[in-house]
């Protein structure tokens, strides 16, 4: 611990020995570098989340799109339990994002058929 304190005080005294404008410049450059690193990490995180979202949406689309089309184009009316059985889902076990993507698939199918935009 004494070695750490020694070097800390050495750097502190060396830093205070510089002119005021150099001290301000060093502080500003350090702050800007930290902000740059923070924003760079944030950009990579946002790109990761968007890529993950696209993969999820495609996975849900492949899994449910044909089943939803079959339900929509049936001539007879189905009950809620029959619809759940055809889709093979349990409403309580679906995550929020899965419900959202299933809704988007349904709206996309209706939009493709009728040309009405719902979003």
PDB file of N, CA and C in Angstrom:
ATOM      1  N   UNK A   1       0.827  -1.184   0.000  1.00  0.00           N
ATOM      2  CA  UNK A   1       0.000   0.000   0.000  1.00  0.00           C
ATOM      3  C   UNK A   1       0.877   1.255   0.000  1.00  0.00           C
ATOM      4  N   UNK A   2       2.005   1.165   0.648  1.00  0.00           N
ATOM      5  CA  UNK A   2       2.893   2.322   0.673  1.00  0.00           C
ATOM      6  C   UNK A   2       3.441   2.633  -0.716  1.00  0.00           C
ATOM      7  N   UNK A   3       3.661   1.600  -1.516  1.00  0.00           N
ATOM      8  CA  UNK A   3       4.160   1.811  -2.871  1.00  0.00           C
ATOM      9  C   UNK A   3       3.099   2.539  -3.702  1.00  0.00           C
ATOM     10  N   UNK A   4       1.844   2.120  -3.554  1.00  0.00           N
ATOM     11  CA  UNK A   4       0.747   2.768  -4.269  1.00  0.00           C
ATOM     12  C   UNK A   4       0.645   4.240  -3.866  1.00  0.00           C
ATOM     13  N   UNK A   5       0.688   4.503  -2.568  1.00  0.00           N
ATOM     14  CA  UNK A   5       0.623   5.888  -2.096  1.00  0.00           C
ATOM     15  C   UNK A   5       1.803   6.703  -2.608  1.00  0.00           C
ATOM     16  N   UNK A   6       2.975   6.113  -2.631  1.00  0.00           N
ATOM     17  CA  UNK A   6       4.157   6.821  -3.115  1.00  0.00           C
ATOM     18  C   UNK A   6       3.967   7.254  -4.568  1.00  0.00           C
ATOM     19  N   UNK A   7       3.543   6.326  -5.420  1.00  0.00           N
ATOM     20  CA  UNK A   7       3.364   6.662  -6.831  1.00  0.00           C
ATOM     21  C   UNK A   7       2.192   7.622  -7.044  1.00  0.00           C
ATOM     22  N   UNK A   8       1.161   7.472  -6.255  1.00  0.00           N
ATOM     23  CA  UNK A   8       0.035   8.399  -6.354  1.00  0.00           C
ATOM     24  C   UNK A   8       0.482   9.828  -6.046  1.00  0.00           C
ATOM     25  N   UNK A   9       1.188   9.996  -4.940  1.00  0.00           N
ATOM     26  CA  UNK A   9       1.660  11.335  -4.568  1.00  0.00           C
ATOM     27  C   UNK A   9       2.704  11.854  -5.560  1.00  0.00           C
ATOM     28  N   UNK A  10       3.510  10.956  -6.109  1.00  0.00           N
ATOM     29  CA  UNK A  10       4.494  11.361  -7.110  1.00  0.00           C
ATOM     30  C   UNK A  10       3.804  11.897  -8.360  1.00  0.00           C
ATOM     31  N   UNK A  11       2.803  11.168  -8.872  1.00  0.00           N
ATOM     32  CA  UNK A  11       2.078  11.616 -10.056  1.00  0.00           C
ATOM     33  C   UNK A  11       1.279  12.883  -9.771  1.00  0.00           C
ATOM     34  N   UNK A  12       0.738  12.970  -8.561  1.00  0.00           N
ATOM     35  CA  UNK A  12      -0.018  14.166  -8.193  1.00  0.00           C
ATOM     36  C   UNK A  12       0.889  15.402  -8.163  1.00  0.00           C
ATOM     37  N   UNK A  13       2.051  15.262  -7.585  1.00  0.00           N
ATOM     38  CA  UNK A  13       2.970  16.412  -7.524  1.00  0.00           C
ATOM     39  C   UNK A  13       3.511  16.748  -8.913  1.00  0.00           C
ATOM     40  N   UNK A  14       3.735  15.732  -9.732  1.00  0.00           N
ATOM     41  CA  UNK A  14       4.186  15.971 -11.095  1.00  0.00           C
ATOM     42  C   UNK A  14       3.095  16.677 -11.904  1.00  0.00           C
ATOM     43  N   UNK A  15       1.847  16.245 -11.727  1.00  0.00           N
ATOM     44  CA  UNK A  15       0.723  16.840 -12.435  1.00  0.00           C
ATOM     45  C   UNK A  15       0.526  18.297 -12.023  1.00  0.00           C
ATOM     46  N   UNK A  16       0.631  18.591 -10.708  1.00  0.00           N
ATOM     47  CA  UNK A  16       0.451  19.964 -10.242  1.00  0.00           C
ATOM     48  C   UNK A  16       1.632  20.856 -10.612  1.00  0.00           C
ATOM     49  N   UNK A  17       2.715  20.270 -11.045  1.00  0.00           N
ATOM     50  CA  UNK A  17       3.850  21.058 -11.479  1.00  0.00           C
ATOM     51  C   UNK A  17       3.681  21.614 -12.888  1.00  0.00           C
ATOM     52  N   UNK A  18       2.703  21.065 -13.635  1.00  0.00           N
ATOM     53  CA  UNK A  18       2.462  21.539 -15.001  1.00  0.00           C
ATOM     54  C   UNK A  18       1.702  22.870 -14.963  1.00  0.00           C
ATOM     55  N   UNK A  19       1.785  23.628 -16.039  1.00  0.00           N
ATOM     56  CA  UNK A  19       0.993  24.856 -16.120  1.00  0.00           C
ATOM     57  C   UNK A  19      -0.509  24.538 -16.126  1.00  0.00           C
ATOM     58  N   UNK A  20      -1.305  25.535 -15.776  1.00  0.00           N
ATOM     59  CA  UNK A  20      -2.751  25.353 -15.619  1.00  0.00           C
ATOM     60  C   UNK A  20      -3.409  24.875 -16.911  1.00  0.00           C
ATOM     61  N   UNK A  21      -3.030  25.425 -18.031  1.00  0.00           N
ATOM     62  CA  UNK A  21      -3.672  25.068 -19.304  1.00  0.00           C
ATOM     63  C   UNK A  21      -3.407  23.613 -19.668  1.00  0.00           C
ATOM     64  N   UNK A  22      -2.257  23.093 -19.339  1.00  0.00           N
ATOM     65  CA  UNK A  22      -1.944  21.684 -19.619  1.00  0.00           C
ATOM     66  C   UNK A  22      -2.762  20.784 -18.701  1.00  0.00           C
ATOM     67  N   UNK A  23      -2.915  21.181 -17.447  1.00  0.00           N
ATOM     68  CA  UNK A  23      -3.732  20.374 -16.523  1.00  0.00           C
ATOM     69  C   UNK A  23      -5.180  20.297 -17.003  1.00  0.00           C
ATOM     70  N   UNK A  24      -5.720  21.436 -17.429  1.00  0.00           N
ATOM     71  CA  UNK A  24      -7.103  21.456 -17.924  1.00  0.00           C
ATOM     72  C   UNK A  24      -7.223  20.596 -19.184  1.00  0.00           C
ATOM     73  N   UNK A  25      -6.247  20.691 -20.062  1.00  0.00           N
ATOM     74  CA  UNK A  25      -6.264  19.911 -21.294  1.00  0.00           C
ATOM     75  C   UNK A  25      -6.211  18.416 -21.007  1.00  0.00           C
ATOM     76  N   UNK A  26      -5.376  18.013 -20.094  1.00  0.00           N
ATOM     77  CA  UNK A  26      -5.271  16.592 -19.738  1.00  0.00           C
ATOM     78  C   UNK A  26      -6.590  16.098 -19.157  1.00  0.00           C
ATOM     79  N   UNK A  27      -7.219  16.876 -18.312  1.00  0.00           N
ATOM     80  CA  UNK A  27      -8.502  16.477 -17.716  1.00  0.00           C
ATOM     81  C   UNK A  27      -9.569  16.368 -18.795  1.00  0.00           C
ATOM     82  N   UNK A  28      -9.629  17.334 -19.704  1.00  0.00           N
ATOM     83  CA  UNK A  28     -10.628  17.294 -20.773  1.00  0.00           C
ATOM     84  C   UNK A  28     -10.401  16.133 -21.742  1.00  0.00           C
ATOM     85  N   UNK A  29      -9.157  15.884 -22.101  1.00  0.00           N
ATOM     86  CA  UNK A  29      -8.857  14.768 -22.997  1.00  0.00           C
ATOM     87  C   UNK A  29      -9.225  13.442 -22.339  1.00  0.00           C
ATOM     88  N   UNK A  30      -8.928  13.300 -21.067  1.00  0.00           N
ATOM     89  CA  UNK A  30      -9.285  12.082 -20.334  1.00  0.00           C
ATOM     90  C   UNK A  30     -10.803  11.905 -20.294  1.00  0.00           C
ATOM     91  N   UNK A  31     -11.529  12.981 -20.012  1.00  0.00           N
ATOM     92  CA  UNK A  31     -12.987  12.910 -19.970  1.00  0.00           C
ATOM     93  C   UNK A  31     -13.554  12.541 -21.342  1.00  0.00           C
ATOM     94  N   UNK A  32     -13.018  13.128 -22.393  1.00  0.00           N
ATOM     95  CA  UNK A  32     -13.503  12.820 -23.738  1.00  0.00           C
ATOM     96  C   UNK A  32     -13.191  11.380 -24.142  1.00  0.00           C
ATOM     97  N   UNK A  33     -12.041  10.874 -23.749  1.00  0.00           N
ATOM     98  CA  UNK A  33     -11.716   9.472 -24.046  1.00  0.00           C
ATOM     99  C   UNK A  33     -12.666   8.519 -23.327  1.00  0.00           C
ATOM    100  N   UNK A  34     -12.973   8.825 -22.080  1.00  0.00           N
ATOM    101  CA  UNK A  34     -13.922   7.986 -21.339  1.00  0.00           C
ATOM    102  C   UNK A  34     -15.303   8.032 -21.977  1.00  0.00           C
ATOM    103  N   UNK A  35     -15.737   9.220 -22.401  1.00  0.00           N
ATOM    104  CA  UNK A  35     -17.035   9.325 -23.071  1.00  0.00           C
ATOM    105  C   UNK A  35     -17.028   8.559 -24.392  1.00  0.00           C
ATOM    106  N   UNK A  36     -15.939   8.646 -25.135  1.00  0.00           N
ATOM    107  CA  UNK A  36     -15.815   7.932 -26.402  1.00  0.00           C
ATOM    108  C   UNK A  36     -15.922   6.425 -26.182  1.00  0.00           C
ATOM    109  N   UNK A  37     -15.228   5.916 -25.187  1.00  0.00           N
ATOM    110  CA  UNK A  37     -15.304   4.487 -24.891  1.00  0.00           C
ATOM    111  C   UNK A  37     -16.712   4.073 -24.476  1.00  0.00           C
ATOM    112  N   UNK A  38     -17.364   4.902 -23.664  1.00  0.00           N
ATOM    113  CA  UNK A  38     -18.725   4.609 -23.232  1.00  0.00           C
ATOM    114  C   UNK A  38     -19.665   4.532 -24.432  1.00  0.00           C
ATOM    115  N   UNK A  39     -19.585   5.507 -25.328  1.00  0.00           N
ATOM    116  CA  UNK A  39     -20.472   5.516 -26.489  1.00  0.00           C
ATOM    117  C   UNK A  39     -20.142   4.400 -27.476  1.00  0.00           C
ATOM    118  N   UNK A  40     -18.901   4.052 -27.591  1.00  0.00           N
ATOM    119  CA  UNK A  40     -18.522   2.945 -28.460  1.00  0.00           C
ATOM    120  C   UNK A  40     -19.101   1.629 -27.944  1.00  0.00           C
ATOM    121  N   UNK A  41     -19.008   1.409 -26.651  1.00  0.00           N
ATOM    122  CA  UNK A  41     -19.601   0.211 -26.035  1.00  0.00           C
ATOM    123  C   UNK A  41     -21.114   0.224 -26.218  1.00  0.00           C
ATOM    124  N   UNK A  42     -21.715   1.386 -26.062  1.00  0.00           N
ATOM    125  CA  UNK A  42     -23.159   1.510 -26.223  1.00  0.00           C
ATOM    126  C   UNK A  42     -23.584   1.193 -27.660  1.00  0.00           C
ATOM    127  N   UNK A  43     -22.836   1.644 -28.650  1.00  0.00           N
ATOM    128  CA  UNK A  43     -23.158   1.359 -30.048  1.00  0.00           C
ATOM    129  C   UNK A  43     -23.107  -0.146 -30.303  1.00  0.00           C
ATOM    130  N   UNK A  44     -22.082  -0.820 -29.796  1.00  0.00           N
ATOM    131  CA  UNK A  44     -21.997  -2.267 -29.983  1.00  0.00           C
ATOM    132  C   UNK A  44     -23.141  -2.988 -29.274  1.00  0.00           C
ATOM    133  N   UNK A  45     -23.536  -2.513 -28.106  1.00  0.00           N
ATOM    134  CA  UNK A  45     -24.639  -3.123 -27.373  1.00  0.00           C
ATOM    135  C   UNK A  45     -25.958  -2.950 -28.134  1.00  0.00           C
ATOM    136  N   UNK A  46     -26.194  -1.762 -28.682  1.00  0.00           N
ATOM    137  CA  UNK A  46     -27.418  -1.523 -29.442  1.00  0.00           C
ATOM    138  C   UNK A  46     -27.443  -2.397 -30.691  1.00  0.00           C
ATOM    139  N   UNK A  47     -26.315  -2.520 -31.373  1.00  0.00           N
ATOM    140  CA  UNK A  47     -26.250  -3.383 -32.566  1.00  0.00           C
ATOM    141  C   UNK A  47     -26.523  -4.830 -32.199  1.00  0.00           C
ATOM    142  N   UNK A  48     -25.993  -5.280 -31.066  1.00  0.00           N
ATOM    143  CA  UNK A  48     -26.232  -6.647 -30.600  1.00  0.00           C
ATOM    144  C   UNK A  48     -27.718  -6.870 -30.325  1.00  0.00           C
ATOM    145  N   UNK A  49     -28.355  -5.911 -29.648  1.00  0.00           N
ATOM    146  CA  UNK A  49     -29.778  -6.052 -29.331  1.00  0.00           C
ATOM    147  C   UNK A  49     -30.635  -6.071 -30.590  1.00  0.00           C
ATOM    148  N   UNK A  50     -30.305  -5.229 -31.565  1.00  0.00           N
ATOM    149  CA  UNK A  50     -31.081  -5.213 -32.801  1.00  0.00           C
ATOM    150  C   UNK A  50     -30.921  -6.522 -33.571  1.00  0.00           C
ATOM    151  N   UNK A  51     -29.712  -7.047 -33.602  1.00  0.00           N
ATOM    152  CA  UNK A  51     -29.477  -8.322 -34.286  1.00  0.00           C
ATOM    153  C   UNK A  51     -30.242  -9.447 -33.588  1.00  0.00           C
ATOM    154  N   UNK A  52     -30.251  -9.419 -32.268  1.00  0.00           N
ATOM    155  CA  UNK A  52     -30.980 -10.419 -31.493  1.00  0.00           C
ATOM    156  C   UNK A  52     -32.485 -10.308 -31.750  1.00  0.00           C
ATOM    157  N   UNK A  53     -32.984  -9.082 -31.861  1.00  0.00           N
ATOM    158  CA  UNK A  53     -34.398  -8.855 -32.107  1.00  0.00           C
ATOM    159  C   UNK A  53     -34.802  -9.378 -33.488  1.00  0.00           C
ATOM    160  N   UNK A  54     -33.964  -9.161 -34.489  1.00  0.00           N
ATOM    161  CA  UNK A  54     -34.258  -9.650 -35.838  1.00  0.00           C
ATOM    162  C   UNK A  54     -34.276 -11.178 -35.858  1.00  0.00           C
ATOM    163  N   UNK A  55     -33.330 -11.802 -35.167  1.00  0.00           N
ATOM    164  CA  UNK A  55     -33.301 -13.269 -35.107  1.00  0.00           C
ATOM    165  C   UNK A  55     -34.543 -13.819 -34.417  1.00  0.00           C
ATOM    166  N   UNK A  56     -34.951 -13.167 -33.321  1.00  0.00           N
ATOM    167  CA  UNK A  56     -36.149 -13.606 -32.616  1.00  0.00           C
ATOM    168  C   UNK A  56     -37.378 -13.498 -33.508  1.00  0.00           C
ATOM    169  N   UNK A  57     -37.500 -12.372 -34.191  1.00  0.00           N
ATOM    170  CA  UNK A  57     -38.668 -12.152 -35.044  1.00  0.00           C
ATOM    171  C   UNK A  57     -38.723 -13.182 -36.163  1.00  0.00           C
ATOM    172  N   UNK A  58     -37.596 -13.479 -36.758  1.00  0.00           N
ATOM    173  CA  UNK A  58     -37.553 -14.469 -37.834  1.00  0.00           C
ATOM    174  C   UNK A  58     -37.896 -15.861 -37.309  1.00  0.00           C
ATOM    175  N   UNK A  59     -37.421 -16.174 -36.122  1.00  0.00           N
ATOM    176  CA  UNK A  59     -37.714 -17.476 -35.518  1.00  0.00           C
ATOM    177  C   UNK A  59     -39.216 -17.626 -35.249  1.00  0.00           C
ATOM    178  N   UNK A  60     -39.822 -16.582 -34.701  1.00  0.00           N
ATOM    179  CA  UNK A  60     -41.258 -16.608 -34.435  1.00  0.00           C
ATOM    180  C   UNK A  60     -42.030 -16.671 -35.751  1.00  0.00           C
ATOM    181  N   UNK A  61     -41.576 -15.924 -36.748  1.00  0.00           N
ATOM    182  CA  UNK A  61     -42.251 -15.918 -38.052  1.00  0.00           C
ATOM    183  C   UNK A  61     -42.233 -17.320 -38.670  1.00  0.00           C
ATOM    184  N   UNK A  62     -41.088 -17.981 -38.644  1.00  0.00           N
ATOM    185  CA  UNK A  62     -41.004 -19.328 -39.208  1.00  0.00           C
ATOM    186  C   UNK A  62     -41.880 -20.314 -38.447  1.00  0.00           C
ATOM    187  N   UNK A  63     -42.001 -20.109 -37.156  1.00  0.00           N
ATOM    188  CA  UNK A  63     -42.734 -21.056 -36.321  1.00  0.00           C
ATOM    189  C   UNK A  63     -44.254 -20.888 -36.428  1.00  0.00           C
ATOM    190  N   UNK A  64     -44.739 -19.635 -36.534  1.00  0.00           N
ATOM    191  CA  UNK A  64     -46.174 -19.401 -36.421  1.00  0.00           C
ATOM    192  C   UNK A  64     -46.872 -18.857 -37.665  1.00  0.00           C
ATOM    193  N   UNK A  65     -46.153 -18.394 -38.663  1.00  0.00           N
ATOM    194  CA  UNK A  65     -46.813 -17.719 -39.782  1.00  0.00           C
ATOM    195  C   UNK A  65     -47.779 -18.635 -40.536  1.00  0.00           C
ATOM    196  N   UNK A  66     -47.353 -19.840 -40.866  1.00  0.00           N
ATOM    197  CA  UNK A  66     -48.240 -20.754 -41.603  1.00  0.00           C
ATOM    198  C   UNK A  66     -49.455 -21.148 -40.766  1.00  0.00           C
ATOM    199  N   UNK A  67     -49.253 -21.346 -39.484  1.00  0.00           N
ATOM    200  CA  UNK A  67     -50.368 -21.717 -38.609  1.00  0.00           C
ATOM    201  C   UNK A  67     -51.380 -20.581 -38.497  1.00  0.00           C
ATOM    202  N   UNK A  68     -50.878 -19.351 -38.414  1.00  0.00           N
ATOM    203  CA  UNK A  68     -51.781 -18.200 -38.324  1.00  0.00           C
ATOM    204  C   UNK A  68     -52.561 -18.046 -39.627  1.00  0.00           C
ATOM    205  N   UNK A  69     -51.902 -18.249 -40.749  1.00  0.00           N
ATOM    206  CA  UNK A  69     -52.606 -18.175 -42.031  1.00  0.00           C
ATOM    207  C   UNK A  69     -53.702 -19.238 -42.117  1.00  0.00           C
ATOM    208  N   UNK A  70     -53.414 -20.445 -41.639  1.00  0.00           N
ATOM    209  CA  UNK A  70     -54.426 -21.501 -41.642  1.00  0.00           C
ATOM    210  C   UNK A  70     -55.622 -21.110 -40.786  1.00  0.00           C
ATOM    211  N   UNK A  71     -55.387 -20.493 -39.658  1.00  0.00           N
ATOM    212  CA  UNK A  71     -56.472 -20.074 -38.764  1.00  0.00           C
ATOM    213  C   UNK A  71     -57.293 -18.962 -39.406  1.00  0.00           C
ATOM    214  N   UNK A  72     -56.614 -18.000 -40.009  1.00  0.00           N
ATOM    215  CA  UNK A  72     -57.318 -16.857 -40.598  1.00  0.00           C
ATOM    216  C   UNK A  72     -58.201 -17.298 -41.765  1.00  0.00           C
ATOM    217  N   UNK A  73     -57.709 -18.195 -42.603  1.00  0.00           N
ATOM    218  CA  UNK A  73     -58.416 -18.554 -43.826  1.00  0.00           C
ATOM    219  C   UNK A  73     -59.387 -19.728 -43.668  1.00  0.00           C
ATOM    220  N   UNK A  74     -59.612 -20.196 -42.437  1.00  0.00           N
ATOM    221  CA  UNK A  74     -60.592 -21.257 -42.226  1.00  0.00           C
ATOM    222  C   UNK A  74     -62.002 -20.702 -42.395  1.00  0.00           C
ATOM    223  N   UNK A  75     -62.884 -21.542 -42.908  1.00  0.00           N
ATOM    224  CA  UNK A  75     -64.257 -21.103 -43.159  1.00  0.00           C
ATOM    225  C   UNK A  75     -65.089 -21.045 -41.879  1.00  0.00           C
ATOM    226  N   UNK A  76     -64.839 -21.949 -40.949  1.00  0.00           N
ATOM    227  CA  UNK A  76     -65.621 -21.962 -39.709  1.00  0.00           C
ATOM    228  C   UNK A  76     -64.889 -21.187 -38.607  1.00  0.00           C
ATOM    229  N   UNK A  77     -65.674 -20.747 -37.637  1.00  0.00           N
ATOM    230  CA  UNK A  77     -65.106 -20.006 -36.520  1.00  0.00           C
ATOM    231  C   UNK A  77     -64.499 -20.971 -35.504  1.00  0.00           C
ATOM    232  N   UNK A  78     -63.394 -20.570 -34.929  1.00  0.00           N
ATOM    233  CA  UNK A  78     -62.715 -21.402 -33.937  1.00  0.00           C
ATOM    234  C   UNK A  78     -62.822 -20.758 -32.569  1.00  0.00           C
ATOM    235  N   UNK A  79     -62.847 -21.606 -31.554  1.00  0.00           N
ATOM    236  CA  UNK A  79     -62.826 -21.081 -30.190  1.00  0.00           C
ATOM    237  C   UNK A  79     -61.381 -20.741 -29.814  1.00  0.00           C
ATOM    238  N   UNK A  80     -61.247 -20.102 -28.689  1.00  0.00           N
ATOM    239  CA  UNK A  80     -59.916 -19.703 -28.227  1.00  0.00           C
ATOM    240  C   UNK A  80     -59.056 -20.930 -27.955  1.00  0.00           C
ATOM    241  N   UNK A  81     -59.643 -21.955 -27.343  1.00  0.00           N
ATOM    242  CA  UNK A  81     -58.864 -23.162 -27.043  1.00  0.00           C
ATOM    243  C   UNK A  81     -58.448 -23.889 -28.318  1.00  0.00           C
ATOM    244  N   UNK A  82     -59.317 -23.904 -29.346  1.00  0.00           N
ATOM    245  CA  UNK A  82     -58.945 -24.528 -30.612  1.00  0.00           C
ATOM    246  C   UNK A  82     -57.801 -23.761 -31.283  1.00  0.00           C
ATOM    247  N   UNK A  83     -57.875 -22.453 -31.212  1.00  0.00           N
ATOM    248  CA  UNK A  83     -56.811 -21.628 -31.791  1.00  0.00           C
ATOM    249  C   UNK A  83     -55.488 -21.881 -31.081  1.00  0.00           C
ATOM    250  N   UNK A  84     -55.528 -21.942 -29.769  1.00  0.00           N
ATOM    251  CA  UNK A  84     -54.300 -22.224 -29.008  1.00  0.00           C
ATOM    252  C   UNK A  84     -53.761 -23.613 -29.325  1.00  0.00           C
ATOM    253  N   UNK A  85     -54.638 -24.568 -29.509  1.00  0.00           N
ATOM    254  CA  UNK A  85     -54.186 -25.923 -29.850  1.00  0.00           C
ATOM    255  C   UNK A  85     -53.536 -25.961 -31.230  1.00  0.00           C
ATOM    256  N   UNK A  86     -54.117 -25.241 -32.190  1.00  0.00           N
ATOM    257  CA  UNK A  86     -53.529 -25.216 -33.531  1.00  0.00           C
ATOM    258  C   UNK A  86     -52.163 -24.548 -33.505  1.00  0.00           C
ATOM    259  N   UNK A  87     -52.067 -23.432 -32.786  1.00  0.00           N
ATOM    260  CA  UNK A  87     -50.773 -22.733 -32.694  1.00  0.00           C
ATOM    261  C   UNK A  87     -49.779 -23.475 -31.804  1.00  0.00           C
ATOM    262  N   UNK A  88     -50.294 -24.275 -30.890  1.00  0.00           N
ATOM    263  CA  UNK A  88     -49.413 -25.006 -29.979  1.00  0.00           C
ATOM    264  C   UNK A  88     -48.764 -24.110 -28.945  1.00  0.00           C
ATOM    265  N   UNK A  89     -49.530 -23.131 -28.439  1.00  0.00           N
ATOM    266  CA  UNK A  89     -48.974 -22.202 -27.453  1.00  0.00           C
ATOM    267  C   UNK A  89     -49.816 -22.213 -26.196  1.00  0.00           C
ATOM    268  N   UNK A  90     -49.195 -21.840 -25.114  1.00  0.00           N
ATOM    269  CA  UNK A  90     -49.884 -21.602 -23.854  1.00  0.00           C
ATOM    270  C   UNK A  90     -49.712 -20.119 -23.557  1.00  0.00           C
ATOM    271  N   UNK A  91     -50.819 -19.421 -23.440  1.00  0.00           N
ATOM    272  CA  UNK A  91     -50.794 -17.963 -23.284  1.00  0.00           C
ATOM    273  C   UNK A  91     -49.950 -17.522 -22.089  1.00  0.00           C
ATOM    274  N   UNK A  92     -49.991 -18.284 -21.018  1.00  0.00           N
ATOM    275  CA  UNK A  92     -49.252 -17.899 -19.810  1.00  0.00           C
ATOM    276  C   UNK A  92     -47.751 -18.128 -19.931  1.00  0.00           C
ATOM    277  N   UNK A  93     -47.321 -18.999 -20.833  1.00  0.00           N
ATOM    278  CA  UNK A  93     -45.906 -19.312 -20.957  1.00  0.00           C
ATOM    279  C   UNK A  93     -45.185 -18.443 -21.979  1.00  0.00           C
ATOM    280  N   UNK A  94     -45.941 -17.686 -22.786  1.00  0.00           N
ATOM    281  CA  UNK A  94     -45.312 -16.821 -23.779  1.00  0.00           C
ATOM    282  C   UNK A  94     -44.712 -15.585 -23.106  1.00  0.00           C
ATOM    283  N   UNK A  95     -43.581 -15.183 -23.617  1.00  0.00           N
ATOM    284  CA  UNK A  95     -42.971 -13.943 -23.128  1.00  0.00           C
ATOM    285  C   UNK A  95     -43.636 -12.767 -23.815  1.00  0.00           C
ATOM    286  N   UNK A  96     -43.409 -11.583 -23.289  1.00  0.00           N
ATOM    287  CA  UNK A  96     -44.019 -10.376 -23.843  1.00  0.00           C
ATOM    288  C   UNK A  96     -43.591 -10.157 -25.290  1.00  0.00           C
ATOM    289  N   UNK A  97     -42.299 -10.359 -25.564  1.00  0.00           N
ATOM    290  CA  UNK A  97     -41.811 -10.122 -26.918  1.00  0.00           C
ATOM    291  C   UNK A  97     -42.361 -11.150 -27.901  1.00  0.00           C
ATOM    292  N   UNK A  98     -42.623 -12.375 -27.435  1.00  0.00           N
ATOM    293  CA  UNK A  98     -43.207 -13.376 -28.322  1.00  0.00           C
ATOM    294  C   UNK A  98     -44.637 -12.989 -28.696  1.00  0.00           C
ATOM    295  N   UNK A  99     -45.390 -12.507 -27.734  1.00  0.00           N
ATOM    296  CA  UNK A  99     -46.755 -12.050 -28.011  1.00  0.00           C
ATOM    297  C   UNK A  99     -46.736 -10.878 -28.984  1.00  0.00           C
ATOM    298  N   UNK A 100     -45.804  -9.983 -28.787  1.00  0.00           N
ATOM    299  CA  UNK A 100     -45.688  -8.814 -29.659  1.00  0.00           C
ATOM    300  C   UNK A 100     -45.368  -9.225 -31.093  1.00  0.00           C
ATOM    301  N   UNK A 101     -44.451 -10.160 -31.264  1.00  0.00           N
ATOM    302  CA  UNK A 101     -44.079 -10.595 -32.606  1.00  0.00           C
ATOM    303  C   UNK A 101     -45.194 -11.377 -33.283  1.00  0.00           C
ATOM    304  N   UNK A 102     -45.922 -12.173 -32.524  1.00  0.00           N
ATOM    305  CA  UNK A 102     -47.067 -12.890 -33.092  1.00  0.00           C
ATOM    306  C   UNK A 102     -48.114 -11.888 -33.571  1.00  0.00           C
ATOM    307  N   UNK A 103     -48.325 -10.834 -32.808  1.00  0.00           N
ATOM    308  CA  UNK A 103     -49.261  -9.787 -33.216  1.00  0.00           C
ATOM    309  C   UNK A 103     -48.782  -9.099 -34.490  1.00  0.00           C
ATOM    310  N   UNK A 104     -47.486  -8.833 -34.594  1.00  0.00           N
ATOM    311  CA  UNK A 104     -46.936  -8.215 -35.802  1.00  0.00           C
ATOM    312  C   UNK A 104     -47.103  -9.134 -37.015  1.00  0.00           C
ATOM    313  N   UNK A 105     -46.926 -10.420 -36.809  1.00  0.00           N
ATOM    314  CA  UNK A 105     -47.122 -11.371 -37.917  1.00  0.00           C
ATOM    315  C   UNK A 105     -48.567 -11.327 -38.385  1.00  0.00           C
ATOM    316  N   UNK A 106     -49.493 -11.323 -37.451  1.00  0.00           N
ATOM    317  CA  UNK A 106     -50.908 -11.258 -37.791  1.00  0.00           C
ATOM    318  C   UNK A 106     -51.224  -9.978 -38.565  1.00  0.00           C
ATOM    319  N   UNK A 107     -50.710  -8.858 -38.104  1.00  0.00           N
ATOM    320  CA  UNK A 107     -50.948  -7.588 -38.798  1.00  0.00           C
ATOM    321  C   UNK A 107     -50.297  -7.566 -40.181  1.00  0.00           C
ATOM    322  N   UNK A 108     -49.125  -8.170 -40.310  1.00  0.00           N
ATOM    323  CA  UNK A 108     -48.460  -8.232 -41.618  1.00  0.00           C
ATOM    324  C   UNK A 108     -49.268  -9.068 -42.617  1.00  0.00           C
ATOM    325  N   UNK A 109     -49.836 -10.165 -42.141  1.00  0.00           N
ATOM    326  CA  UNK A 109     -50.652 -11.011 -43.016  1.00  0.00           C
ATOM    327  C   UNK A 109     -51.891 -10.247 -43.485  1.00  0.00           C
ATOM    328  N   UNK A 110     -52.546  -9.550 -42.564  1.00  0.00           N
ATOM    329  CA  UNK A 110     -53.729  -8.771 -42.929  1.00  0.00           C
ATOM    330  C   UNK A 110     -53.344  -7.640 -43.871  1.00  0.00           C
ATOM    331  N   UNK A 111     -52.224  -7.009 -43.615  1.00  0.00           N
ATOM    332  CA  UNK A 111     -51.763  -5.917 -44.475  1.00  0.00           C
ATOM    333  C   UNK A 111     -51.463  -6.411 -45.883  1.00  0.00           C
ATOM    334  N   UNK A 112     -50.829  -7.575 -45.995  1.00  0.00           N
ATOM    335  CA  UNK A 112     -50.518  -8.123 -47.314  1.00  0.00           C
ATOM    336  C   UNK A 112     -51.781  -8.437 -48.112  1.00  0.00           C
ATOM    337  N   UNK A 113     -52.818  -8.904 -47.429  1.00  0.00           N
ATOM    338  CA  UNK A 113     -54.038  -9.282 -48.132  1.00  0.00           C
ATOM    339  C   UNK A 113     -54.890  -8.078 -48.507  1.00  0.00           C
ATOM    340  N   UNK A 114     -55.055  -7.143 -47.585  1.00  0.00           N
ATOM    341  CA  UNK A 114     -55.971  -6.029 -47.805  1.00  0.00           C
ATOM    342  C   UNK A 114     -55.289  -4.729 -48.186  1.00  0.00           C
ATOM    343  N   UNK A 115     -53.985  -4.647 -48.044  1.00  0.00           N
ATOM    344  CA  UNK A 115     -53.266  -3.434 -48.382  1.00  0.00           C
ATOM    345  C   UNK A 115     -53.459  -2.301 -47.387  1.00  0.00           C
ATOM    346  N   UNK A 116     -53.970  -2.618 -46.193  1.00  0.00           N
ATOM    347  CA  UNK A 116     -54.188  -1.605 -45.157  1.00  0.00           C
ATOM    348  C   UNK A 116     -53.033  -1.682 -44.184  1.00  0.00           C
ATOM    349  N   UNK A 117     -52.431  -0.549 -43.901  1.00  0.00           N
ATOM    350  CA  UNK A 117     -51.266  -0.502 -43.001  1.00  0.00           C
ATOM    351  C   UNK A 117     -51.769  -0.207 -41.585  1.00  0.00           C
ATOM    352  N   UNK A 118     -51.418  -1.072 -40.611  1.00  0.00           N
ATOM    353  CA  UNK A 118     -51.871  -0.930 -39.242  1.00  0.00           C
ATOM    354  C   UNK A 118     -50.829  -0.354 -38.301  1.00  0.00           C
ATOM    355  N   UNK A 119     -49.601  -0.195 -38.758  1.00  0.00           N
ATOM    356  CA  UNK A 119     -48.566   0.298 -37.851  1.00  0.00           C
ATOM    357  C   UNK A 119     -48.294   1.748 -38.049  1.00  0.00           C
TER     358      UNK A 119
END
